[in-house]
Protein backbone atom coordinates (compact mmCIF):
# COMPACT_ATOMS: atom_id res chain seq x y z
CA MET A 1 64.06 130.13 -182.91
CA THR A 2 62.19 127.93 -180.48
CA ASP A 3 64.36 126.21 -177.86
CA LEU A 4 63.10 122.65 -177.58
CA THR A 5 64.85 121.11 -174.61
CA ALA A 6 64.94 117.57 -173.38
CA SER A 7 63.03 118.62 -170.28
CA SER A 8 60.18 120.03 -172.32
CA SER A 9 59.99 116.81 -174.31
CA ARG A 10 59.83 114.74 -171.14
CA SER A 11 56.88 116.80 -169.89
CA SER A 12 54.89 115.76 -172.95
CA GLU A 13 56.06 112.17 -172.89
CA SER A 14 52.66 110.60 -172.34
CA SER A 15 51.19 112.44 -175.32
CA TRP A 16 54.14 111.42 -177.46
CA ILE A 17 53.75 107.75 -176.49
CA ALA A 18 50.07 107.84 -177.37
CA ARG A 19 50.89 109.31 -180.76
CA LEU A 20 53.53 106.69 -181.51
CA SER A 21 51.21 103.86 -180.61
CA THR A 22 48.91 104.87 -183.48
CA TRP A 23 51.60 104.29 -186.11
CA GLY A 24 50.79 100.59 -186.30
CA VAL A 25 52.94 97.55 -186.73
CA GLY A 26 53.71 98.37 -190.34
CA PHE A 27 55.82 101.42 -189.51
CA LEU A 28 59.05 99.96 -190.87
CA GLY A 29 57.52 99.41 -194.26
CA MET A 30 56.62 103.09 -194.43
CA ALA A 31 59.68 104.54 -192.81
CA VAL A 32 61.42 106.21 -195.72
CA ALA A 33 59.05 105.89 -198.64
CA VAL A 34 60.08 108.34 -201.33
CA PRO A 35 59.00 108.82 -204.94
CA GLY A 36 61.18 107.33 -207.61
CA CYS A 37 61.59 104.53 -210.07
CA SER A 38 60.30 101.07 -209.32
CA LEU A 39 62.80 98.81 -207.59
CA ILE A 40 62.09 95.15 -206.94
CA LEU A 41 63.78 92.80 -204.52
CA GLY A 42 64.10 89.17 -205.50
CA GLY A 43 63.27 86.36 -203.15
CA ASP A 44 66.94 86.03 -202.17
CA GLY A 45 67.23 89.74 -201.46
CA GLY A 46 69.11 90.40 -204.69
CA PHE A 47 68.41 93.47 -206.80
CA GLN A 48 66.04 93.13 -209.75
CA GLN A 49 65.46 96.19 -211.87
CA CYS A 50 62.46 94.77 -213.65
CA GLN A 51 60.17 91.80 -214.03
CA THR A 52 58.13 92.98 -217.01
CA ASP A 53 58.68 95.46 -219.85
CA ASN A 54 56.36 97.90 -218.05
CA ASP A 55 58.94 98.24 -215.26
CA CYS A 56 61.27 99.86 -217.81
CA ASP A 57 58.87 102.65 -218.77
CA GLN A 58 60.85 104.99 -216.49
CA PHE A 59 63.65 105.11 -219.09
CA SER A 60 63.52 107.33 -222.14
CA GLY A 61 63.49 105.53 -225.47
CA ASN A 62 62.48 101.95 -226.19
CA TRP A 63 63.55 99.76 -223.25
CA VAL A 64 62.55 96.20 -222.39
CA CYS A 65 63.14 93.83 -219.49
CA ASP A 66 65.85 91.23 -220.11
CA ALA A 67 64.49 88.04 -218.53
CA ALA A 68 67.92 86.52 -217.89
CA SER A 69 69.28 89.40 -215.79
CA ASN A 70 66.06 91.17 -214.72
CA THR A 71 67.54 94.45 -215.92
CA CYS A 72 66.27 97.02 -218.40
CA VAL A 73 68.04 97.05 -221.77
CA GLU A 74 67.44 99.13 -224.85
CA ASP A 75 65.41 97.30 -227.47
CA SER A 76 67.42 96.94 -230.66
CA VAL A 77 64.35 97.77 -232.74
CA ALA A 78 64.45 101.33 -231.43
CA ASP A 79 66.25 102.65 -234.48
CA GLY A 80 64.26 100.51 -236.94
CA THR A 81 67.30 98.63 -238.24
CA MET A 82 66.80 95.16 -236.77
CA THR A 83 66.74 92.37 -239.30
CA GLY A 84 66.26 89.57 -236.79
CA ASP A 85 68.80 87.08 -238.11
CA GLY A 86 71.29 87.35 -235.25
CA ASP A 87 74.39 87.35 -237.47
CA GLY A 88 76.06 90.41 -235.95
CA ASP A 89 75.18 92.87 -238.69
CA GLY A 90 73.33 95.32 -236.50
CA ASP A 91 70.27 93.20 -236.05
CA GLY A 92 69.64 92.45 -232.38
CA ASP A 93 71.82 89.46 -231.78
CA GLY A 94 70.90 88.80 -228.17
CA ASP A 95 74.11 90.03 -226.55
CA GLY A 96 72.19 92.53 -224.44
CA ASP A 97 73.95 95.67 -225.71
CA GLY A 98 71.11 96.89 -227.87
CA ASP A 99 73.28 97.46 -230.96
CA GLY A 100 73.13 94.09 -232.68
CA ASP A 101 76.74 94.07 -233.87
CA GLY A 102 77.67 90.91 -232.03
CA ASP A 103 80.64 92.24 -230.05
CA GLY A 104 78.77 93.22 -226.88
CA ASP A 105 80.52 96.58 -226.48
CA GLY A 106 77.43 98.76 -226.65
CA ASP A 107 78.31 100.50 -229.91
CA GLY A 108 76.88 100.42 -233.40
CA ASP A 109 80.30 100.05 -235.04
CA ALA A 110 79.43 102.69 -237.64
CA ASP A 111 82.58 104.63 -238.51
CA CYS A 112 82.52 108.29 -237.50
CA SER A 113 84.71 111.32 -237.10
CA THR A 114 82.21 113.68 -235.42
CA HIS A 115 79.50 113.39 -232.81
CA THR A 116 76.88 114.92 -235.09
CA GLN A 117 77.37 112.12 -237.61
CA CYS A 118 76.24 109.64 -234.97
CA VAL A 119 73.40 111.90 -233.83
CA ASP A 120 72.18 112.10 -237.43
CA LEU A 121 72.35 108.30 -237.76
CA HIS A 122 70.56 107.62 -234.47
CA ASN A 123 69.51 110.30 -231.97
CA GLU A 124 70.97 112.87 -229.59
CA ASN A 125 72.00 110.18 -227.11
CA TRP A 126 74.65 108.85 -229.50
CA MET A 127 78.20 110.11 -229.89
CA CYS A 128 81.44 109.34 -231.72
CA SER A 129 83.79 107.48 -229.41
CA CYS A 130 87.54 107.89 -229.27
CA ASN A 131 87.73 104.66 -231.27
CA GLY A 132 86.08 106.28 -234.26
CA THR A 133 82.78 104.41 -233.96
CA CYS A 134 79.28 105.52 -232.99
CA VAL A 135 78.27 104.55 -229.45
CA GLN A 136 75.09 104.80 -227.45
CA ALA A 137 75.89 106.97 -224.42
CA LEU A 138 72.77 105.86 -222.56
CA THR A 139 72.50 102.61 -220.65
CA SER A 140 70.01 101.38 -218.09
CA GLU A 141 72.19 103.12 -215.44
CA CYS A 142 73.43 106.12 -217.44
CA GLN A 143 70.20 107.95 -218.20
CA LEU A 144 71.24 111.55 -218.80
CA VAL A 145 73.25 113.02 -221.67
CA LYS A 146 73.66 116.79 -221.55
CA TRP A 147 75.04 118.72 -224.50
CA PRO A 148 76.00 122.41 -224.18
CA ASN A 149 72.79 124.41 -224.56
CA ASP A 150 71.05 121.06 -225.11
CA THR A 151 72.40 121.03 -228.67
CA PRO A 152 74.51 118.13 -230.00
CA GLN A 153 77.81 119.48 -231.33
CA ASP A 154 81.28 118.33 -232.21
CA ASN A 155 83.78 120.54 -230.40
CA VAL A 156 83.11 119.19 -226.92
CA VAL A 157 84.82 117.21 -224.17
CA PHE A 158 82.64 114.73 -222.30
CA ILE A 159 82.96 114.23 -218.57
CA GLY A 160 81.03 111.69 -216.52
CA SER A 161 79.42 111.43 -213.11
CA ILE A 162 78.66 108.40 -210.95
CA MET A 163 76.15 108.93 -208.15
CA PRO A 164 73.45 106.77 -206.48
CA THR A 165 70.49 108.75 -207.80
CA SER A 166 67.87 106.00 -207.55
CA PRO A 167 66.08 105.05 -204.31
CA PRO A 168 66.80 104.82 -201.47
CA PHE A 169 69.38 107.59 -201.88
CA ASP A 170 67.66 109.77 -204.49
CA THR A 171 66.49 112.51 -202.13
CA LEU A 172 69.98 112.78 -200.66
CA VAL A 173 71.97 112.57 -203.90
CA LEU A 174 69.87 114.17 -206.66
CA PRO A 175 70.80 117.67 -205.37
CA LEU A 176 74.46 116.71 -205.93
CA GLN A 177 73.75 115.70 -209.52
CA ASN A 178 71.74 118.88 -210.03
CA SER A 179 74.66 120.90 -208.70
CA MET A 180 77.02 119.28 -211.16
CA GLN A 181 74.61 120.15 -213.96
CA LEU A 182 74.55 123.74 -212.72
CA ALA A 183 78.36 123.91 -212.63
CA ILE A 184 78.68 122.69 -216.22
CA ALA A 185 75.99 125.11 -217.41
CA ASP A 186 77.71 127.99 -215.59
CA PHE A 187 81.06 127.07 -217.12
CA ASN A 188 79.73 126.76 -220.66
CA LYS A 189 77.89 130.07 -220.31
CA GLU A 190 80.98 131.96 -219.19
CA THR A 191 83.88 130.40 -221.08
CA GLN A 192 85.36 127.42 -222.90
CA LEU A 193 88.27 124.99 -222.80
CA PRO A 194 91.43 125.27 -224.92
CA GLY A 195 90.61 125.09 -228.60
CA GLY A 196 87.14 126.50 -228.06
CA GLN A 197 85.78 123.26 -226.66
CA LYS A 198 82.66 123.20 -224.51
CA VAL A 199 81.82 120.58 -221.87
CA ALA A 200 79.24 117.81 -222.33
CA TRP A 201 78.18 115.35 -219.68
CA VAL A 202 76.92 111.80 -219.15
CA ALA A 203 75.34 111.12 -215.73
CA CYS A 204 75.18 107.59 -214.35
CA ASP A 205 73.41 105.98 -211.40
CA SER A 206 75.63 103.71 -209.32
CA ALA A 207 72.62 101.90 -207.75
CA ALA A 208 73.76 102.55 -204.17
CA GLY A 209 77.33 101.87 -205.29
CA SER A 210 76.74 98.34 -206.58
CA LYS A 211 77.01 99.44 -210.24
CA ALA A 212 79.88 101.90 -209.80
CA VAL A 213 82.51 99.71 -211.48
CA GLU A 214 80.19 98.80 -214.34
CA VAL A 215 79.20 102.37 -215.17
CA ALA A 216 82.79 103.56 -214.78
CA GLN A 217 83.77 101.01 -217.40
CA HIS A 218 81.08 102.35 -219.74
CA LEU A 219 82.21 105.94 -219.24
CA VAL A 220 85.84 105.01 -219.86
CA ASP A 221 85.48 102.52 -222.72
CA ASN A 222 82.50 103.89 -224.63
CA VAL A 223 82.15 107.58 -223.74
CA CYS A 224 85.93 107.98 -223.42
CA VAL A 225 85.75 110.53 -220.62
CA PRO A 226 89.04 111.96 -219.27
CA ALA A 227 87.40 112.82 -215.93
CA ILE A 228 84.64 111.56 -213.63
CA VAL A 229 82.94 113.30 -210.71
CA GLY A 230 82.05 110.54 -208.23
CA PRO A 231 81.32 108.00 -206.99
CA VAL A 232 80.04 109.43 -203.73
CA PHE A 233 80.45 106.43 -201.39
CA SER A 234 83.96 105.51 -200.27
CA GLU A 235 83.71 101.81 -201.06
CA ALA A 236 82.51 102.55 -204.58
CA VAL A 237 85.29 105.12 -205.12
CA ILE A 238 87.95 102.61 -204.11
CA ALA A 239 86.51 99.83 -206.30
CA ALA A 240 85.98 102.00 -209.38
CA SER A 241 89.40 103.62 -209.02
CA GLU A 242 91.37 100.44 -208.52
CA MET A 243 89.53 98.42 -211.15
CA VAL A 244 88.78 101.00 -213.84
CA THR A 245 89.74 104.66 -213.67
CA VAL A 246 93.31 104.54 -212.39
CA PRO A 247 94.40 101.80 -214.87
CA ALA A 248 92.72 103.83 -217.62
CA GLY A 249 94.38 107.09 -216.53
CA VAL A 250 91.08 108.88 -215.81
CA PHE A 251 90.94 111.79 -213.36
CA THR A 252 88.46 111.13 -210.53
CA ILE A 253 87.16 113.58 -207.95
CA THR A 254 84.66 112.31 -205.38
CA PRO A 255 82.47 114.98 -203.78
CA THR A 256 81.65 113.18 -200.54
CA ALA A 257 83.73 110.03 -199.95
CA THR A 258 85.59 110.40 -196.66
CA SER A 259 87.27 107.05 -195.94
CA LYS A 260 90.81 107.39 -194.65
CA LYS A 261 91.88 104.70 -197.14
CA LEU A 262 91.58 107.18 -199.99
CA THR A 263 94.49 109.18 -198.59
CA ASP A 264 96.97 106.39 -199.25
CA LEU A 265 95.33 104.94 -202.36
CA ASP A 266 97.82 103.92 -205.05
CA ASP A 267 96.21 106.21 -207.60
CA ASP A 268 98.93 107.84 -209.73
CA ASP A 269 97.67 111.20 -208.33
CA LEU A 270 94.36 110.70 -210.16
CA VAL A 271 91.92 110.57 -207.20
CA TRP A 272 90.95 113.77 -205.36
CA ARG A 273 88.27 115.01 -202.96
CA PRO A 274 87.10 118.40 -201.57
CA ILE A 275 85.99 116.93 -198.25
CA ALA A 276 88.15 116.00 -195.27
CA SER A 277 89.13 112.44 -194.37
CA ASP A 278 87.34 110.57 -191.60
CA VAL A 279 90.51 110.56 -189.50
CA TYR A 280 89.30 113.94 -188.23
CA GLN A 281 85.62 113.05 -187.95
CA ALA A 282 86.44 109.97 -185.84
CA HIS A 283 88.04 112.20 -183.19
CA ALA A 284 85.22 114.74 -183.41
CA VAL A 285 82.57 112.05 -182.84
CA ALA A 286 84.49 110.52 -179.93
CA ASP A 287 85.04 113.89 -178.29
CA ARG A 288 81.38 114.83 -178.73
CA LEU A 289 80.35 111.56 -177.09
CA GLN A 290 82.45 112.39 -174.05
CA ALA A 291 80.63 115.71 -173.79
CA ILE A 292 77.08 114.35 -173.91
CA VAL A 293 77.24 111.10 -171.94
CA GLU A 294 76.71 111.06 -168.21
CA PRO A 295 78.17 108.63 -165.65
CA GLY A 296 76.58 105.22 -166.05
CA ASP A 297 75.30 105.88 -169.59
CA ASN A 298 75.46 103.16 -172.21
CA VAL A 299 76.41 103.94 -175.80
CA VAL A 300 75.73 101.83 -178.89
CA ILE A 301 77.34 102.53 -182.26
CA LEU A 302 75.57 101.27 -185.39
CA ASN A 303 77.10 101.65 -188.81
CA LYS A 304 76.38 101.04 -192.44
CA ASN A 305 78.28 97.90 -193.46
CA ASP A 306 80.67 99.44 -195.97
CA GLU A 307 84.09 101.07 -196.02
CA TYR A 308 82.78 104.39 -194.74
CA GLY A 309 80.66 102.97 -191.93
CA ASN A 310 82.98 100.23 -190.72
CA SER A 311 86.13 102.32 -190.71
CA LEU A 312 84.64 105.44 -189.13
CA SER A 313 82.72 103.58 -186.42
CA LEU A 314 85.74 101.54 -185.33
CA ASP A 315 88.02 104.57 -185.32
CA ALA A 316 85.51 106.60 -183.33
CA TYR A 317 85.22 103.74 -180.84
CA ALA A 318 89.02 103.47 -180.58
CA ASN A 319 89.25 107.21 -179.82
CA THR A 320 86.57 107.09 -177.13
CA MET A 321 88.01 107.38 -173.65
CA GLY A 322 85.98 106.81 -170.49
CA VAL A 323 82.72 106.11 -172.34
CA ASN A 324 80.84 102.84 -171.85
CA VAL A 325 80.32 101.65 -175.44
CA THR A 326 78.44 98.37 -175.01
CA ASP A 327 78.09 97.45 -178.69
CA VAL A 328 79.40 98.32 -182.14
CA PHE A 329 77.63 96.53 -184.94
CA ALA A 330 76.92 96.93 -188.65
CA TYR A 331 73.78 96.76 -190.74
CA ASP A 332 73.41 95.94 -194.43
CA LEU A 333 71.36 97.90 -196.95
CA GLN A 334 68.95 96.79 -199.62
CA LEU A 335 67.62 98.72 -202.61
CA ASP A 336 64.15 99.12 -201.17
CA PRO A 337 63.12 102.73 -200.55
CA THR A 338 60.46 101.67 -198.05
CA ASP A 339 62.72 99.33 -196.05
CA PRO A 340 66.37 100.18 -196.73
CA ILE A 341 68.00 98.39 -193.76
CA VAL A 342 68.21 94.61 -193.89
CA ASP A 343 66.75 93.02 -190.74
CA VAL A 344 66.08 96.38 -189.11
CA ALA A 345 63.44 94.67 -186.95
CA ASP A 346 66.28 92.64 -185.39
CA HIS A 347 68.72 95.54 -185.04
CA ILE A 348 66.29 97.61 -183.01
CA PRO A 349 65.76 95.09 -180.16
CA ASN A 350 69.46 94.21 -180.24
CA THR A 351 70.14 97.88 -179.55
CA ILE A 352 67.48 98.23 -176.87
CA PHE A 353 68.73 95.15 -175.00
CA THR A 354 72.42 95.85 -175.51
CA ASP A 355 73.12 95.56 -171.78
CA GLY A 356 71.00 92.54 -171.07
CA GLY A 357 67.89 94.70 -171.20
CA ASP A 358 68.57 96.35 -167.85
CA ASN A 359 70.05 99.53 -169.25
CA PRO A 360 69.08 100.47 -172.84
CA PRO A 361 71.48 102.97 -174.43
CA GLU A 362 71.24 106.60 -173.47
CA VAL A 363 73.16 107.55 -176.64
CA ILE A 364 73.04 105.90 -180.07
CA VAL A 365 75.63 106.80 -182.71
CA LEU A 366 74.52 106.21 -186.31
CA VAL A 367 77.30 106.08 -188.91
CA GLY A 368 75.42 106.00 -192.18
CA THR A 369 73.42 107.98 -194.69
CA SER A 370 69.72 108.60 -195.40
CA GLU A 371 68.71 105.09 -194.30
CA VAL A 372 69.06 106.18 -190.65
CA GLN A 373 65.52 107.59 -190.88
CA ALA A 374 64.16 104.04 -190.81
CA PHE A 375 66.12 103.17 -187.68
CA ILE A 376 65.31 106.34 -185.74
CA LEU A 377 61.56 106.21 -186.36
CA GLY A 378 61.42 102.47 -185.81
CA TYR A 379 63.39 102.70 -182.58
CA LEU A 380 61.11 105.37 -181.14
CA GLN A 381 58.04 103.31 -181.84
CA ALA A 382 59.59 100.22 -180.30
CA ILE A 383 60.45 101.93 -177.01
CA ALA A 384 57.08 103.69 -176.78
CA VAL A 385 55.58 100.58 -175.16
CA MET A 386 58.23 100.51 -172.42
CA GLN A 387 57.56 102.22 -169.09
CA PRO A 388 59.18 104.62 -168.84
CA PRO A 389 60.39 104.77 -172.46
CA PRO A 390 64.21 104.91 -172.56
CA ILE A 391 64.53 107.88 -174.89
CA PRO A 392 68.09 108.12 -176.24
CA LYS A 393 70.03 110.90 -177.83
CA PHE A 394 71.01 110.22 -181.46
CA LEU A 395 74.40 111.37 -182.76
CA VAL A 396 74.76 110.97 -186.54
CA THR A 397 77.81 111.32 -188.75
CA HIS A 398 78.08 113.57 -191.77
CA GLY A 399 76.42 111.21 -194.25
CA ALA A 400 73.20 111.34 -192.24
CA VAL A 401 73.21 114.97 -191.11
CA PRO A 402 70.87 116.14 -193.95
CA SER A 403 68.45 113.35 -193.02
CA MET A 404 67.77 114.80 -189.57
CA VAL A 405 65.35 117.27 -191.15
CA ASP A 406 63.77 114.49 -193.21
CA VAL A 407 63.00 112.53 -190.04
CA ILE A 408 61.17 115.53 -188.59
CA LYS A 409 59.28 116.14 -191.86
CA HIS A 410 58.39 112.47 -192.32
CA PRO A 411 54.69 111.88 -193.11
CA LEU A 412 54.34 109.80 -189.95
CA VAL A 413 55.18 112.76 -187.71
CA ILE A 414 54.65 115.91 -189.80
CA ASP A 415 51.36 116.74 -188.04
CA ASP A 416 52.46 115.53 -184.62
CA ASP A 417 53.89 118.45 -182.65
CA MET A 418 54.76 116.28 -179.64
CA THR A 419 56.87 113.80 -181.58
CA GLN A 420 58.46 116.54 -183.64
CA GLY A 421 59.37 118.39 -180.46
CA LEU A 422 60.99 115.26 -179.11
CA LEU A 423 62.99 114.77 -182.31
CA TYR A 424 64.27 118.33 -182.23
CA SER A 425 65.62 117.70 -178.73
CA ILE A 426 67.37 114.34 -179.30
CA LEU A 427 68.99 114.67 -182.75
CA GLN A 428 72.45 116.08 -183.43
CA GLY A 429 75.18 115.45 -185.96
CA VAL A 430 78.84 115.94 -186.81
CA ALA A 431 80.20 116.88 -190.24
CA PRO A 432 83.25 118.46 -191.84
CA ILE A 433 82.77 122.09 -192.84
CA ILE A 434 81.47 121.88 -196.39
CA PHE A 435 80.14 125.33 -197.17
CA ASP A 436 81.17 128.94 -197.06
CA GLU A 437 78.16 130.90 -195.82
CA GLN A 438 78.35 133.75 -198.32
CA ASN A 439 79.30 131.63 -201.32
CA PHE A 440 76.68 129.02 -200.49
CA THR A 441 73.98 131.69 -200.39
CA ALA A 442 74.90 132.89 -203.89
CA PHE A 443 75.12 129.33 -205.19
CA ASN A 444 71.80 128.35 -203.61
CA THR A 445 70.07 131.30 -205.27
CA ARG A 446 71.26 130.13 -208.70
CA TYR A 447 70.27 126.58 -207.80
CA MET A 448 66.74 127.62 -206.87
CA VAL A 449 66.33 129.60 -210.10
CA LYS A 450 67.47 126.68 -212.27
CA PHE A 451 65.64 123.93 -210.41
CA MET A 452 62.29 125.62 -209.84
CA GLU A 453 62.79 127.10 -206.39
CA THR A 454 63.90 123.82 -204.84
CA ASN A 455 66.52 124.44 -202.15
CA SER A 456 69.78 122.61 -202.44
CA ILE A 457 71.31 120.80 -199.48
CA SER A 458 74.69 121.63 -198.01
CA THR A 459 76.49 118.61 -199.53
CA SER A 460 75.52 119.83 -202.99
CA SER A 461 78.26 122.44 -202.61
CA LEU A 462 80.81 119.65 -202.92
CA ALA A 463 79.50 118.44 -206.28
CA TYR A 464 79.49 121.98 -207.68
CA ASP A 465 83.04 122.56 -206.50
CA SER A 466 84.22 119.16 -207.76
CA ALA A 467 82.90 119.85 -211.25
CA LEU A 468 84.40 123.34 -211.43
CA VAL A 469 87.77 122.16 -210.09
CA THR A 470 87.82 119.53 -212.83
CA MET A 471 86.98 122.05 -215.56
CA PHE A 472 89.46 124.63 -214.24
CA ALA A 473 92.21 122.00 -214.32
CA MET A 474 91.18 121.10 -217.87
CA ALA A 475 91.31 124.77 -218.84
CA ALA A 476 94.84 125.02 -217.41
CA ILE A 477 96.21 122.39 -219.80
CA PRO A 478 98.44 124.18 -222.32
CA GLU A 479 96.78 124.51 -225.70
CA GLY A 480 97.89 121.78 -228.04
CA GLU A 481 98.16 119.18 -225.28
CA ALA A 482 95.49 116.52 -225.00
CA ILE A 483 92.85 116.70 -222.27
CA THR A 484 93.67 113.47 -220.45
CA GLY A 485 93.29 112.40 -216.86
CA ALA A 486 97.01 112.66 -216.26
CA ASN A 487 97.17 116.14 -217.77
CA ILE A 488 94.19 117.26 -215.68
CA ALA A 489 95.86 115.99 -212.49
CA ALA A 490 99.12 117.69 -213.46
CA GLN A 491 97.39 121.08 -213.36
CA MET A 492 96.03 120.79 -209.81
CA GLY A 493 99.03 122.63 -208.41
CA LYS A 494 97.94 125.69 -210.40
CA LEU A 495 94.65 125.77 -208.46
CA VAL A 496 96.11 125.94 -204.95
CA ASP A 497 98.63 128.79 -205.15
CA PRO A 498 98.16 131.27 -202.28
CA ASP A 499 99.95 133.85 -204.43
CA GLY A 500 97.75 133.20 -207.47
CA THR A 501 94.67 135.09 -208.59
CA PHE A 502 92.09 134.84 -205.82
CA ILE A 503 88.91 133.25 -207.14
CA SER A 504 85.82 133.14 -204.93
CA PHE A 505 82.69 131.30 -206.10
CA GLY A 506 80.64 134.17 -204.63
CA PRO A 507 79.38 136.17 -202.80
CA GLU A 508 77.89 137.74 -205.93
CA ILE A 509 75.17 135.75 -207.64
CA ASN A 510 76.77 136.11 -211.06
CA THR A 511 79.35 133.62 -212.34
CA THR A 512 81.94 135.94 -213.87
CA PHE A 513 84.50 134.41 -211.50
CA ILE A 514 84.61 131.40 -213.83
CA LYS A 515 85.84 133.44 -216.77
CA THR A 516 88.33 135.25 -214.54
CA ALA A 517 89.80 131.93 -213.42
CA VAL A 518 90.01 130.49 -216.92
CA ASN A 519 91.59 133.66 -218.28
CA ALA A 520 94.33 133.40 -215.66
CA LEU A 521 94.90 129.68 -216.15
CA SER A 522 94.84 129.76 -219.93
CA VAL A 523 97.95 131.96 -220.03
CA GLY A 524 99.90 129.81 -217.59
CA GLY A 525 98.84 131.62 -214.42
CA THR A 526 97.71 130.19 -211.11
CA VAL A 527 94.69 130.67 -208.88
CA ASP A 528 93.67 130.36 -205.24
CA LEU A 529 90.15 128.92 -205.03
CA LYS A 530 87.49 129.58 -202.42
CA GLY A 531 84.59 127.39 -203.44
CA VAL A 532 81.02 127.04 -202.34
CA SER A 533 82.29 124.50 -199.81
CA GLY A 534 85.08 126.78 -198.57
CA GLU A 535 88.80 126.96 -199.20
CA LEU A 536 89.86 124.35 -201.77
CA ALA A 537 93.36 123.87 -200.41
CA PHE A 538 94.16 120.43 -201.80
CA ASP A 539 97.20 118.58 -200.51
CA LEU A 540 99.01 117.80 -203.74
CA ALA A 541 100.59 114.67 -202.26
CA THR A 542 97.32 113.06 -201.11
CA GLY A 543 94.52 114.81 -203.01
CA ASP A 544 92.86 115.62 -199.66
CA VAL A 545 91.73 118.79 -197.91
CA ARG A 546 91.93 119.42 -194.17
CA THR A 547 89.03 121.24 -192.51
CA ASP A 548 87.50 121.81 -189.11
CA LEU A 549 84.12 120.27 -188.29
CA LEU A 550 80.74 121.51 -187.14
CA GLY A 551 78.17 120.13 -184.72
CA TRP A 552 74.67 120.40 -186.19
CA GLN A 553 71.21 120.32 -184.66
CA PRO A 554 67.77 120.74 -186.22
CA GLU A 555 65.72 123.79 -185.28
CA PRO A 556 62.29 124.92 -186.47
CA ILE A 557 62.46 127.82 -188.90
CA ASN A 558 60.42 130.76 -187.62
CA ALA A 559 59.11 128.52 -184.81
CA ASN A 560 57.33 126.34 -187.38
CA LEU A 561 57.78 122.72 -186.28
CA ASP A 562 56.96 121.51 -189.79
CA ALA A 563 59.85 123.51 -191.28
CA PRO A 564 63.05 122.14 -189.75
CA GLY A 565 66.39 123.63 -190.63
CA LEU A 566 69.93 122.66 -189.70
CA VAL A 567 71.82 125.03 -187.43
CA PRO A 568 75.54 124.81 -186.56
CA LYS A 569 75.80 124.83 -182.78
CA ARG A 570 79.47 124.10 -182.11
CA LEU A 571 82.85 124.11 -183.85
CA TYR A 572 85.52 121.42 -183.70
CA THR A 573 88.82 123.19 -184.29
CA LEU A 574 91.64 120.90 -185.34
CA ASN A 575 94.95 121.14 -183.59
CA PRO A 576 97.93 122.23 -185.73
CA VAL A 577 99.19 119.93 -188.49
CA PRO A 578 99.82 117.01 -188.36
CA ALA A 579 97.30 116.47 -185.54
CA THR A 580 94.04 114.69 -186.37
CA ASP A 581 92.20 115.68 -183.18
CA GLY A 582 90.87 118.96 -181.92
CA THR A 583 88.57 120.72 -179.45
CA TRP A 584 84.83 121.40 -179.40
CA ALA A 585 83.56 124.86 -178.54
CA GLU A 586 79.99 126.15 -178.53
CA LEU A 587 79.22 128.79 -181.14
CA PRO A 588 77.83 132.12 -179.92
């Protein structure tokens, strides 16, 4: 692969500056434009899902814009039963739930004993709740109901997912939702739960986390799920767990939330994760900073203003020794795919002039997710007019590592070899180890077959593993016992036995390992899991895993600047338990 060094980028600096100057003053409005549903920001910056009924055309079925809340709701005339008198008899009574029964709970209140009864009465997006009434599984946020083999049936257990699949996080998170879909399809193809039950699924969008509690309530109260995969952001996991899932006794496994607060969450052993806590990443970031800064360098740390960003940035700063960190400040997000960072035009000059303008930062740490694209591209354009331009190195945390390739492939720079070469030389990231090379290759092959040759991203391994861990724990529940959140959690010890049946989610492309695992668990046995993300050695006291970390950098695949890939360059090996720090070493 081509070695693009900082020195080579400096030699082409004048060409790069000329290129950047052509971007125009509207660069921030174009920074991370991605396809997706229409999102509208109100004059006060608040989220509006719609302004007219046409804005709701993205949803399947008959949806209209509710003028009071500016959100899409299902029109009660969709099933042809509205009588229009508003008396609570199934007629569209104005409570916003689309059922017209007057109680606002989102159901039709028709008695049922099977899912297919409700499907016959309405459509395939209806089901029989645990309360014995027909409910609409879809909402404006929960837009996907998947039955086994796409066929509504009765002997199923529903699980839910909560992920921010709408802009600005859709490109980052949709591969995770796809991976969960693949895991459920693989499980249903190979085996079944006790009593012959298959797994069905309702997928919900958390709207960047802001709707996580609301959709969790829907999944718990109406769909009656015993388990949820997600949310994916730490702040949303904590809120949904404390307010909804833990009180309801629902098992929750978050694929990607890394906040250290989750370790000590009062969760009745119901909250789990296959990714390491940020207590390790904070040390890895601090130690990497010490390796890349030079005497006299300034460092600025910017973070997403949420539990993940605030906690990790402050801990990294606290662990930094002998590094001149001149500023640590947070930025807010807005649900605008073309301009995701609130007041980014202020944050950029604040960063440039962090030291009174005399010494712009040589290193910028970004603790965030896909929104960092807007900052990086905007920052480069802003400094292009300075002579000489103070080109920094960017160090991003795990939530933004996949976005390094998106910056290089961005439409503004995709045909600009000079700027792409610069980006290759100044971007690097830190992330917990989240994939086993052989198992990921097998998983990615299945992913590409199912989703039309679209490559997954490395974090998608965590969603696949989370879903399978949940279903394996469900399969381990002794026959005759109910599949509840508490019973699912009680089986987790059977999945982490070093002396149990070894189950690897690869390297073969086939999925017979699923049946092997269920066969062992269904007779009271135990297993030792090696997932797509690596060893799934959960700490039964905390629900956490403990893994080393990798240092990532983008490199052009086959010397093609327009085809960036992520390459692990260094390994951060943790010191023995209970240490939270470690040592960086370059990979051969």
